N, C-alpha and C. Protein backbone atom coordinates (compact mmCIF):
# COMPACT_ATOMS: atom_id res chain seq x y z
N MET A 1 0.59 -1.14 -0.15
CA MET A 1 0.08 -0.08 0.03
C MET A 1 0.64 1.26 0.01
N SER A 2 1.93 1.26 0.81
CA SER A 2 3.10 1.96 0.90
C SER A 2 3.75 2.62 -0.41
N ASP A 3 3.89 1.46 -1.27
CA ASP A 3 4.60 2.30 -3.03
C ASP A 3 3.20 3.17 -3.63
N PHE A 4 2.33 2.88 -3.61
CA PHE A 4 1.06 3.14 -3.96
C PHE A 4 0.30 4.16 -3.68
N ILE A 5 0.68 4.99 -2.45
CA ILE A 5 0.31 5.83 -2.07
C ILE A 5 1.89 6.87 -2.14
N ARG A 6 2.74 5.72 -2.58
CA ARG A 6 4.11 6.93 -2.67
C ARG A 6 3.93 6.69 -4.10
N PHE A 7 3.56 6.56 -5.08
CA PHE A 7 2.88 6.65 -6.43
C PHE A 7 2.51 7.52 -6.55
N LEU A 8 1.21 8.08 -5.83
CA LEU A 8 0.48 9.14 -6.16
C LEU A 8 1.06 10.43 -5.88
N LEU A 9 1.88 10.21 -4.78
CA LEU A 9 2.32 11.61 -4.06
C LEU A 9 3.31 12.02 -5.41
N ASP A 10 4.31 10.50 -6.35
CA ASP A 10 5.09 11.53 -6.97
C ASP A 10 5.08 12.09 -8.42
N SER A 11 3.46 11.17 -8.78
CA SER A 11 1.99 11.85 -9.37
C SER A 11 1.96 13.31 -9.30
N VAL A 12 1.40 13.36 -8.31
CA VAL A 12 1.40 14.59 -8.11
C VAL A 12 2.37 15.76 -8.15
N LYS A 13 3.32 15.72 -7.34
CA LYS A 13 4.16 16.56 -7.25
C LYS A 13 4.75 16.66 -8.98
N PHE A 14 4.68 15.57 -9.85
CA PHE A 14 5.13 15.69 -10.95
C PHE A 14 4.39 16.73 -12.33
N LEU A 15 3.02 16.57 -11.55
CA LEU A 15 2.34 16.52 -12.49
C LEU A 15 1.90 18.63 -11.72
N TRP A 16 2.28 19.20 -10.66
CA TRP A 16 1.89 19.87 -9.77
C TRP A 16 2.62 21.03 -10.55
N PRO A 17 1.32 22.51 -10.69
CA PRO A 17 1.92 23.45 -11.68
C PRO A 17 2.61 24.41 -11.54
N PHE A 18 3.22 24.36 -10.57
CA PHE A 18 4.10 25.69 -9.28
C PHE A 18 5.29 24.83 -8.95
N ARG A 19 6.04 25.98 -8.89
CA ARG A 19 7.34 25.58 -8.55
C ARG A 19 8.65 26.16 -7.37
N ILE A 20 8.96 26.94 -6.81
CA ILE A 20 9.18 27.32 -5.62
C ILE A 20 10.21 27.70 -5.67
N VAL A 21 11.12 28.79 -6.36
CA VAL A 21 12.36 29.14 -6.02
C VAL A 21 12.62 29.94 -5.09
N HIS A 22 13.83 29.40 -3.88
CA HIS A 22 13.91 30.02 -2.73
C HIS A 22 14.57 31.33 -2.33
N GLN A 23 14.84 31.95 -2.01
CA GLN A 23 15.27 33.15 -1.56
C GLN A 23 16.84 33.24 -1.67
N TRP A 24 17.61 31.80 -1.53
CA TRP A 24 19.63 31.91 -1.69
C TRP A 24 19.51 31.37 -3.61
N GLU A 25 18.21 31.35 -4.14
CA GLU A 25 18.72 30.64 -5.14
C GLU A 25 18.01 31.80 -6.82
N VAL A 26 17.92 30.51 -7.70
CA VAL A 26 17.63 31.88 -8.85
C VAL A 26 17.66 30.58 -10.03
N GLY A 27 16.31 30.78 -10.74
CA GLY A 27 15.79 29.51 -11.90
C GLY A 27 16.41 30.14 -13.35
N GLY A 28 15.82 28.95 -13.88
CA GLY A 28 15.97 29.31 -15.16
C GLY A 28 14.83 28.69 -15.44
N TYR A 29 14.11 29.50 -16.35
CA TYR A 29 12.49 29.25 -16.66
C TYR A 29 13.13 28.92 -17.99
N TYR A 30 12.82 27.59 -18.88
CA TYR A 30 13.11 26.73 -20.05
C TYR A 30 11.42 26.56 -20.45
N LEU A 31 11.50 27.15 -22.06
CA LEU A 31 10.30 26.67 -22.37
C LEU A 31 10.29 26.13 -23.55
N ARG A 32 9.75 24.39 -23.67
CA ARG A 32 9.97 23.38 -24.65
C ARG A 32 11.42 23.56 -24.79
N GLY A 33 11.84 23.34 -23.62
CA GLY A 33 13.20 23.04 -23.44
C GLY A 33 14.58 23.76 -24.00
N LYS A 34 13.99 24.79 -23.86
CA LYS A 34 14.52 26.06 -24.32
C LYS A 34 15.48 27.00 -23.09
N PHE A 35 15.83 27.83 -23.03
CA PHE A 35 16.08 28.88 -22.00
C PHE A 35 15.81 29.78 -22.64
N TRP A 36 14.53 30.71 -21.84
CA TRP A 36 14.04 31.54 -22.07
C TRP A 36 14.66 33.28 -21.38
N ARG A 37 14.47 32.67 -19.57
CA ARG A 37 14.52 33.29 -18.64
C ARG A 37 15.06 33.24 -17.92
N THR A 38 15.45 33.75 -17.06
CA THR A 38 16.23 33.96 -15.67
C THR A 38 15.10 34.60 -14.49
N VAL A 39 15.10 33.91 -13.59
CA VAL A 39 13.91 34.23 -12.04
C VAL A 39 14.56 34.28 -11.06
N GLY A 40 13.91 35.35 -10.50
CA GLY A 40 14.35 35.06 -8.86
C GLY A 40 13.63 34.43 -7.49
N PRO A 41 13.57 34.77 -7.03
CA PRO A 41 12.98 33.80 -5.68
C PRO A 41 11.48 34.24 -6.31
N GLY A 42 10.42 33.15 -5.54
CA GLY A 42 9.19 33.38 -5.86
C GLY A 42 8.42 32.04 -6.33
N LEU A 43 7.46 32.16 -6.74
CA LEU A 43 6.70 30.66 -6.79
C LEU A 43 5.76 30.90 -8.95
N TYR A 44 6.24 29.70 -9.62
CA TYR A 44 6.74 30.48 -10.56
C TYR A 44 5.31 28.80 -11.02
N PHE A 45 4.32 29.66 -12.43
CA PHE A 45 3.29 28.42 -12.98
C PHE A 45 4.55 27.63 -14.03
N MET A 46 3.99 26.29 -14.23
CA MET A 46 4.61 25.68 -14.66
C MET A 46 3.52 24.59 -15.38
N LEU A 47 3.85 24.98 -17.05
CA LEU A 47 2.92 23.90 -17.67
C LEU A 47 3.58 22.43 -17.38
N PRO A 48 3.07 21.49 -17.42
CA PRO A 48 3.72 19.85 -16.87
C PRO A 48 4.18 19.85 -18.51
N TRP A 49 5.68 18.98 -18.45
CA TRP A 49 5.58 19.15 -20.19
C TRP A 49 6.62 19.47 -20.94
N PHE A 50 6.29 20.67 -20.93
CA PHE A 50 6.28 22.38 -22.00
C PHE A 50 7.29 23.26 -21.01
N THR A 51 6.82 23.37 -19.88
CA THR A 51 8.19 24.51 -19.41
C THR A 51 8.79 23.61 -17.95
N ASP A 52 9.61 23.65 -17.48
CA ASP A 52 10.50 23.60 -16.89
C ASP A 52 11.56 25.04 -15.86
N ILE A 53 11.87 24.82 -14.56
CA ILE A 53 12.35 25.47 -13.88
C ILE A 53 13.64 24.68 -13.47
N ILE A 54 14.59 25.29 -13.93
CA ILE A 54 15.56 24.53 -13.13
C ILE A 54 16.71 25.63 -12.22
N VAL A 55 17.01 25.29 -10.90
CA VAL A 55 17.35 25.55 -9.82
C VAL A 55 18.68 25.73 -9.45
N VAL A 56 19.44 26.72 -9.20
CA VAL A 56 20.91 26.85 -8.91
C VAL A 56 20.88 27.98 -7.65
N SER A 57 22.10 27.64 -6.65
CA SER A 57 22.41 28.27 -5.34
C SER A 57 23.21 29.91 -6.04
N VAL A 58 22.75 30.52 -5.59
CA VAL A 58 23.50 31.63 -5.19
C VAL A 58 24.18 31.84 -4.74
N ALA A 59 24.14 31.47 -3.36
CA ALA A 59 25.13 31.00 -1.93
C ALA A 59 25.97 30.68 -2.11
N PRO A 60 27.79 31.98 -1.85
CA PRO A 60 28.82 31.62 -1.84
C PRO A 60 29.04 30.05 -1.48
N ILE A 61 29.95 29.09 -1.91
CA ILE A 61 30.15 28.11 -1.22
C ILE A 61 31.88 28.10 -1.18
N ILE A 62 32.74 27.49 -0.20
CA ILE A 62 33.99 27.17 -0.12
C ILE A 62 34.60 26.20 -1.05
N VAL A 63 35.58 26.30 -2.30
CA VAL A 63 36.20 25.00 -2.95
C VAL A 63 37.60 24.65 -2.47
N GLU A 64 38.08 23.70 -2.35
CA GLU A 64 39.48 23.55 -2.16
C GLU A 64 40.18 22.54 -2.77
N THR A 65 41.09 23.15 -3.49
CA THR A 65 42.02 22.28 -4.40
C THR A 65 42.96 21.56 -3.58
N GLY A 66 43.21 20.40 -4.57
CA GLY A 66 43.93 19.34 -4.00
C GLY A 66 44.94 19.79 -3.45
N ARG A 67 46.20 18.85 -3.19
CA ARG A 67 48.02 19.46 -3.07
C ARG A 67 48.66 19.82 -4.33
N GLN A 68 48.98 20.25 -4.67
CA GLN A 68 49.65 20.01 -6.12
C GLN A 68 51.37 20.50 -6.21
N ASP A 69 51.71 19.91 -6.78
CA ASP A 69 53.32 20.51 -6.95
C ASP A 69 53.54 20.49 -8.31
N ILE A 70 54.39 22.16 -8.61
CA ILE A 70 54.66 22.46 -9.71
C ILE A 70 56.12 22.50 -9.69
N THR A 71 57.20 23.06 -10.05
CA THR A 71 58.19 23.08 -10.52
C THR A 71 58.13 24.92 -10.48
N LEU A 72 59.43 25.56 -9.75
CA LEU A 72 59.72 26.92 -9.98
C LEU A 72 60.73 27.47 -11.29
N GLN A 73 60.44 28.67 -12.28
CA GLN A 73 61.66 28.77 -12.57
C GLN A 73 62.85 28.29 -12.48
N ASP A 74 63.48 28.37 -11.01
CA ASP A 74 64.55 28.23 -10.72
C ASP A 74 65.13 26.61 -10.47
N GLY A 75 63.97 25.77 -11.08
CA GLY A 75 64.31 24.64 -10.25
C GLY A 75 63.22 24.45 -9.11
N LYS A 76 63.31 24.76 -8.22
CA LYS A 76 62.29 24.63 -6.90
C LYS A 76 61.24 23.42 -7.27
N VAL A 77 61.09 22.88 -5.91
CA VAL A 77 59.69 22.89 -6.16
C VAL A 77 58.59 23.39 -5.20
N LEU A 78 57.54 24.04 -5.90
CA LEU A 78 56.32 24.58 -4.76
C LEU A 78 54.87 23.73 -4.46
N SER A 79 55.77 23.52 -3.26
CA SER A 79 53.48 22.85 -2.85
C SER A 79 52.76 23.48 -2.06
N PHE A 80 51.45 23.15 -3.00
CA PHE A 80 50.39 24.25 -2.65
C PHE A 80 49.40 23.75 -2.45
N SER A 81 48.19 23.74 -1.65
CA SER A 81 46.99 23.75 -1.46
C SER A 81 45.94 24.73 -1.91
N ALA A 82 44.78 25.33 -1.93
CA ALA A 82 44.70 26.42 -1.61
C ALA A 82 42.65 26.18 -1.57
N SER A 83 42.04 27.02 -1.10
CA SER A 83 40.70 27.92 -0.60
C SER A 83 40.52 28.54 -1.18
N ALA A 84 38.94 28.38 -1.93
CA ALA A 84 38.08 30.14 -2.49
C ALA A 84 36.89 30.10 -2.12
N VAL A 85 36.65 31.48 -1.85
CA VAL A 85 34.66 31.80 -1.86
C VAL A 85 34.38 31.94 -3.50
N CYS A 86 33.33 30.75 -3.86
CA CYS A 86 33.13 31.26 -5.05
C CYS A 86 31.14 30.84 -5.35
N ARG A 87 30.81 31.71 -6.16
CA ARG A 87 29.29 31.81 -5.90
C ARG A 87 28.96 32.14 -7.80
N VAL A 88 28.00 31.71 -7.98
CA VAL A 88 26.67 31.90 -9.12
C VAL A 88 26.67 33.50 -9.39
N VAL A 89 27.03 34.63 -10.68
CA VAL A 89 26.28 35.60 -10.89
C VAL A 89 25.54 35.26 -11.98
N ASP A 90 26.07 34.68 -12.91
CA ASP A 90 25.22 34.91 -14.32
C ASP A 90 24.78 33.25 -14.55
N PHE A 91 23.41 33.32 -14.34
CA PHE A 91 22.77 31.59 -14.51
C PHE A 91 22.60 31.13 -16.26
N ASP A 92 22.62 32.08 -16.96
CA ASP A 92 22.90 31.80 -18.39
C ASP A 92 24.05 31.02 -18.29
N LYS A 93 25.04 31.51 -18.39
CA LYS A 93 26.45 30.86 -18.55
C LYS A 93 27.00 29.52 -17.84
N ALA A 94 26.33 30.04 -15.78
CA ALA A 94 26.81 28.84 -15.75
C ALA A 94 26.48 27.50 -15.72
N VAL A 95 25.22 27.67 -16.07
CA VAL A 95 24.25 26.25 -16.47
C VAL A 95 24.34 25.73 -18.45
N ASN A 96 23.94 26.81 -18.54
CA ASN A 96 23.46 26.27 -20.27
C ASN A 96 25.27 26.59 -20.89
N ARG A 97 26.38 27.14 -20.66
CA ARG A 97 27.34 27.43 -21.40
C ARG A 97 28.37 26.39 -20.74
N VAL A 98 28.05 26.26 -19.48
CA VAL A 98 29.22 25.26 -19.74
C VAL A 98 28.69 23.93 -18.47
N ASP A 99 28.67 22.68 -19.14
CA ASP A 99 28.76 21.38 -18.07
C ASP A 99 29.32 21.06 -16.76
N LYS A 100 28.56 21.34 -15.91
CA LYS A 100 29.20 21.22 -14.01
C LYS A 100 29.89 22.10 -14.39
N TYR A 101 28.84 23.67 -13.88
CA TYR A 101 30.42 24.25 -14.11
C TYR A 101 30.65 24.29 -12.40
N HIS A 102 30.44 23.66 -11.76
CA HIS A 102 31.26 23.63 -9.98
C HIS A 102 32.73 23.19 -10.40
N VAL A 103 32.22 22.10 -11.21
CA VAL A 103 33.51 20.62 -11.59
C VAL A 103 34.49 22.02 -12.63
N SER A 104 33.70 22.98 -13.00
CA SER A 104 34.70 23.24 -14.02
C SER A 104 35.45 24.73 -13.28
N THR A 105 34.50 25.02 -12.85
CA THR A 105 35.28 26.46 -11.61
C THR A 105 36.60 25.62 -10.74
N LEU A 106 36.38 24.40 -9.83
CA LEU A 106 37.41 24.13 -9.17
C LEU A 106 39.27 23.67 -10.51
N ALA A 107 37.89 22.74 -11.27
CA ALA A 107 39.71 22.39 -12.38
C ALA A 107 40.60 24.15 -13.16
N LEU A 108 39.20 25.25 -12.70
CA LEU A 108 39.87 26.57 -13.56
C LEU A 108 41.21 26.48 -12.36
N ILE A 109 40.59 27.01 -10.65
CA ILE A 109 41.42 27.32 -10.14
C ILE A 109 42.75 26.47 -10.24
N GLN A 110 42.76 25.83 -9.90
CA GLN A 110 43.70 24.60 -10.42
C GLN A 110 44.55 25.14 -11.04
N SER A 111 44.24 25.06 -12.26
CA SER A 111 45.26 25.19 -13.06
C SER A 111 46.06 26.67 -13.70
N VAL A 112 44.46 27.66 -13.34
CA VAL A 112 45.45 29.24 -13.12
C VAL A 112 46.19 29.36 -12.24
N LEU A 113 46.15 28.45 -10.92
CA LEU A 113 47.06 28.83 -9.53
C LEU A 113 48.61 27.93 -10.24
N ALA A 114 48.57 27.09 -10.99
CA ALA A 114 49.41 26.08 -10.82
C ALA A 114 50.09 27.04 -11.91
N ASP A 115 49.44 27.43 -12.80
CA ASP A 115 50.11 27.98 -13.87
C ASP A 115 50.75 29.30 -13.83
N ARG A 116 49.92 30.10 -13.49
CA ARG A 116 50.62 31.48 -12.90
C ARG A 116 52.07 31.32 -11.80
N LEU A 117 51.76 29.87 -11.10
CA LEU A 117 52.62 29.51 -9.61
C LEU A 117 54.00 29.62 -10.72
N ALA A 118 53.41 29.18 -11.84
CA ALA A 118 55.06 28.32 -12.41
C ALA A 118 55.63 29.47 -12.84
N ARG A 119 55.14 30.46 -13.04
CA ARG A 119 55.49 31.43 -14.56
C ARG A 119 56.26 32.51 -13.33
N VAL A 120 55.78 32.86 -11.99
CA VAL A 120 56.87 33.75 -11.23
C VAL A 120 57.66 34.05 -10.70
N ASP A 121 58.20 34.75 -10.77
CA ASP A 121 59.94 34.30 -10.27
C ASP A 121 60.20 33.99 -8.59
N THR A 122 61.32 33.32 -8.40
CA THR A 122 61.13 32.61 -6.97
C THR A 122 60.99 33.23 -5.98
N ALA A 123 61.54 35.21 -6.16
CA ALA A 123 61.68 35.69 -4.47
C ALA A 123 60.04 36.49 -4.78
N ARG A 124 59.15 36.28 -5.35
CA ARG A 124 57.95 36.42 -5.15
C ARG A 124 56.94 35.17 -4.23
N VAL A 125 57.58 34.45 -4.27
CA VAL A 125 57.23 32.85 -3.49
C VAL A 125 57.21 33.42 -1.76
N GLU A 126 57.90 34.01 -1.97
CA GLU A 126 58.75 33.68 -0.69
C GLU A 126 57.65 35.27 1.01
N PRO A 127 57.75 34.14 1.74
CA PRO A 127 56.52 35.20 2.50
C PRO A 127 56.33 36.26 2.30
N GLU A 128 57.57 37.12 2.43
CA GLU A 128 57.66 38.36 3.02
C GLU A 128 57.15 39.24 1.60
N ALA A 129 57.18 38.49 0.32
CA ALA A 129 56.98 39.18 -0.54
C ALA A 129 55.80 38.47 -1.45
N ARG A 130 54.87 38.08 -0.58
CA ARG A 130 54.00 37.15 -1.20
C ARG A 130 52.35 37.57 -1.18
N GLY A 131 52.47 38.92 -0.56
CA GLY A 131 51.09 39.91 -0.01
C GLY A 131 50.57 40.56 -1.81
N ARG A 132 51.02 41.06 -2.99
CA ARG A 132 50.81 41.53 -3.78
C ARG A 132 50.86 40.09 -4.77
N LEU A 133 51.67 38.74 -4.20
CA LEU A 133 51.01 37.75 -5.41
C LEU A 133 49.46 37.33 -5.43
N LEU A 134 49.65 37.09 -3.83
CA LEU A 134 47.71 36.38 -3.70
C LEU A 134 46.89 37.19 -4.25
N SER A 135 46.91 38.94 -3.92
CA SER A 135 45.53 39.61 -4.91
C SER A 135 46.14 39.53 -6.71
N ASP A 136 47.24 40.02 -7.34
CA ASP A 136 47.09 39.00 -8.48
C ASP A 136 46.46 37.78 -9.31
N LEU A 137 46.83 36.32 -8.54
CA LEU A 137 46.44 35.66 -8.55
C LEU A 137 44.81 35.42 -8.11
N GLN A 138 44.41 36.34 -7.56
CA GLN A 138 42.35 36.08 -7.82
C GLN A 138 42.55 36.89 -8.79
N ARG A 139 42.99 38.14 -8.60
CA ARG A 139 42.66 38.51 -10.83
C ARG A 139 42.66 38.29 -10.66
N TRP A 140 43.81 37.04 -11.66
CA TRP A 140 44.13 36.41 -12.44
C TRP A 140 42.54 35.01 -12.69
N VAL A 141 42.47 34.41 -11.68
CA VAL A 141 41.17 33.55 -11.41
C VAL A 141 40.08 34.07 -11.79
N GLN A 142 39.14 34.87 -11.41
CA GLN A 142 38.47 35.90 -11.67
C GLN A 142 38.09 36.19 -12.95
N GLN A 143 39.27 36.38 -13.71
CA GLN A 143 39.24 37.13 -15.03
C GLN A 143 38.66 35.64 -16.10
N GLU A 144 39.60 34.85 -15.58
CA GLU A 144 38.85 33.38 -16.42
C GLU A 144 37.37 33.05 -16.02
N ALA A 145 37.06 32.79 -15.05
CA ALA A 145 35.98 32.67 -14.19
C ALA A 145 34.98 33.17 -14.94
N GLU A 146 35.23 35.20 -15.53
CA GLU A 146 34.20 35.04 -15.31
C GLU A 146 33.30 34.49 -17.43
N GLU A 147 33.78 33.20 -17.28
CA GLU A 147 33.32 32.67 -18.52
C GLU A 147 32.40 31.62 -18.71
N PHE A 148 32.77 31.43 -17.15
CA PHE A 148 31.96 30.76 -16.50
C PHE A 148 30.52 31.22 -16.03
N GLY A 149 30.28 32.68 -15.67
CA GLY A 149 29.48 33.08 -15.00
C GLY A 149 29.44 32.71 -12.93
N VAL A 150 30.67 32.54 -13.08
CA VAL A 150 30.81 32.34 -11.51
C VAL A 150 32.13 33.82 -11.27
N GLU A 151 31.87 33.90 -9.96
CA GLU A 151 32.91 34.69 -9.06
C GLU A 151 33.55 33.95 -8.06
N VAL A 152 34.59 34.38 -8.23
CA VAL A 152 35.63 33.85 -7.39
C VAL A 152 36.54 34.70 -6.07
N SER A 153 36.32 34.97 -5.21
CA SER A 153 36.71 35.78 -4.39
C SER A 153 37.55 35.09 -3.33
N LYS A 154 38.28 35.81 -2.43
CA LYS A 154 39.17 35.29 -1.21
C LYS A 154 39.96 34.20 -1.35
N ILE A 155 40.66 34.22 -2.09
CA ILE A 155 41.65 32.70 -2.20
C ILE A 155 42.48 33.03 -1.12
N ARG A 156 42.83 32.12 -0.67
CA ARG A 156 43.88 31.62 0.56
C ARG A 156 44.21 30.25 0.29
N PHE A 157 45.78 30.53 0.14
CA PHE A 157 46.48 29.33 0.24
C PHE A 157 46.69 28.26 2.25
N THR A 158 46.14 26.94 1.23
CA THR A 158 45.77 26.55 2.77
C THR A 158 46.89 25.65 3.23
N SER A 159 47.73 25.53 2.36
CA SER A 159 49.62 24.92 2.14
C SER A 159 50.42 25.74 1.23
N PHE A 160 51.30 26.44 2.03
CA PHE A 160 52.42 26.73 1.43
C PHE A 160 53.26 26.23 1.61
N ILE A 161 54.01 25.43 0.75
CA ILE A 161 56.00 24.94 1.02
C ILE A 161 56.63 24.85 -0.18
N THR A 162 58.05 25.45 0.08
CA THR A 162 58.39 25.80 -0.87
C THR A 162 60.30 25.22 -1.05
N ASN A 163 60.49 24.38 0.54
CA ASN A 163 61.75 23.90 0.95
C ASN A 163 60.84 22.10 1.05
N MET A 164 60.62 21.62 0.21
CA MET A 164 59.79 19.82 0.38
C MET A 164 60.67 18.81 0.76
N ARG A 165 61.73 19.38 0.66
CA ARG A 165 63.02 17.59 1.58
C ARG A 165 63.13 18.07 2.24
N LEU A 166 63.24 19.41 3.44
CA LEU A 166 63.33 19.83 4.48
C LEU A 166 62.24 19.45 5.17
N HIS A 167 61.04 19.97 4.07
CA HIS A 167 59.42 19.41 4.87
C HIS A 167 59.01 17.78 5.10
N ARG A 168 59.73 17.33 4.04
CA ARG A 168 59.20 15.97 4.34
C ARG A 168 59.95 14.72 5.40
N LEU A 169 61.23 15.81 5.82
CA LEU A 169 62.05 15.21 6.82
C LEU A 169 61.19 15.69 8.12
N LEU A 170 60.78 17.01 8.31
CA LEU A 170 59.84 17.02 9.63
C LEU A 170 58.42 16.30 9.66
N MET A 171 57.81 16.21 8.40
CA MET A 171 56.89 15.40 8.42
C MET A 171 57.04 14.11 8.92
N ASP A 172 58.02 13.43 8.20
CA ASP A 172 58.54 11.62 8.52
C ASP A 172 58.53 11.60 9.66
N GLY A 173 59.49 12.72 10.24
CA GLY A 173 59.43 12.23 11.55
C GLY A 173 60.51 10.72 12.50
N SER A 174 60.60 9.81 11.41
CA SER A 174 61.33 9.12 11.68
C SER A 174 63.04 8.98 11.57
N PRO A 175 63.34 8.25 12.92
CA PRO A 175 65.14 8.30 13.59
C PRO A 175 65.32 8.22 12.54
N ASN A 176 65.46 7.72 11.42
CA ASN A 176 66.64 7.49 10.57
C ASN A 176 66.72 8.70 9.46
N ALA A 177 65.46 9.66 9.54
CA ALA A 177 66.22 10.18 8.80
C ALA A 177 67.12 11.34 8.47
N VAL A 178 67.84 11.15 7.25
CA VAL A 178 69.11 12.54 7.67
C VAL A 178 69.10 13.44 6.82
N TRP A 179 68.63 14.97 7.21
CA TRP A 179 68.99 15.98 6.69
C TRP A 179 69.87 16.16 5.95
N ALA A 180 69.53 16.77 4.60
CA ALA A 180 70.72 17.44 4.24
C ALA A 180 70.02 18.56 3.48
N PRO A 181 71.17 19.55 2.75
CA PRO A 181 70.92 20.66 2.63
C PRO A 181 70.27 20.85 1.00
N GLU A 182 70.00 21.83 0.18
CA GLU A 182 68.99 21.72 -0.39
C GLU A 182 70.40 21.70 -2.02
N PRO A 183 70.92 21.31 -3.30
CA PRO A 183 71.97 22.04 -4.06
C PRO A 183 71.14 23.81 -3.73
N ASP A 184 72.01 24.86 -4.22
CA ASP A 184 72.38 26.00 -5.07
C ASP A 184 72.23 25.74 -6.46
């Protein structure tokens, strides 16, 4: 009996002529499968089989990159991971022009950070010279993300290690580890 009731409720939900867009969302109104317009929060009429509303959250989310190891211009290895605050600012670009905008945005952040950090002068990744670098990286990522209809703000490094050999020694903690200075 419960399967029959579930079937009835699902049928009513499918045929229900209204859709709610919550205040933290934006919706795309589709007419016969073609994007028609963007709609904000509210109650909207839908004609089953002819119209649809796809809803996307516009609330900021935090995305985190995995650890990335890159080689700098002088041959040193830089290991880093970062987090960034992202949010959808253009529904049409984010949903209709990019497949899985959230996955694409994360890949974009990872690739732009790795590419731009590999090109900068090694002196710029030193702690005392890193301030301007972070604002430049944020600007470069935002320029690329505009194409996806996503705003990327507040990029922060969660890990930033330039001397990998010393870091591995400290993290390893084994009594047999031997420290050897990196060659210049």
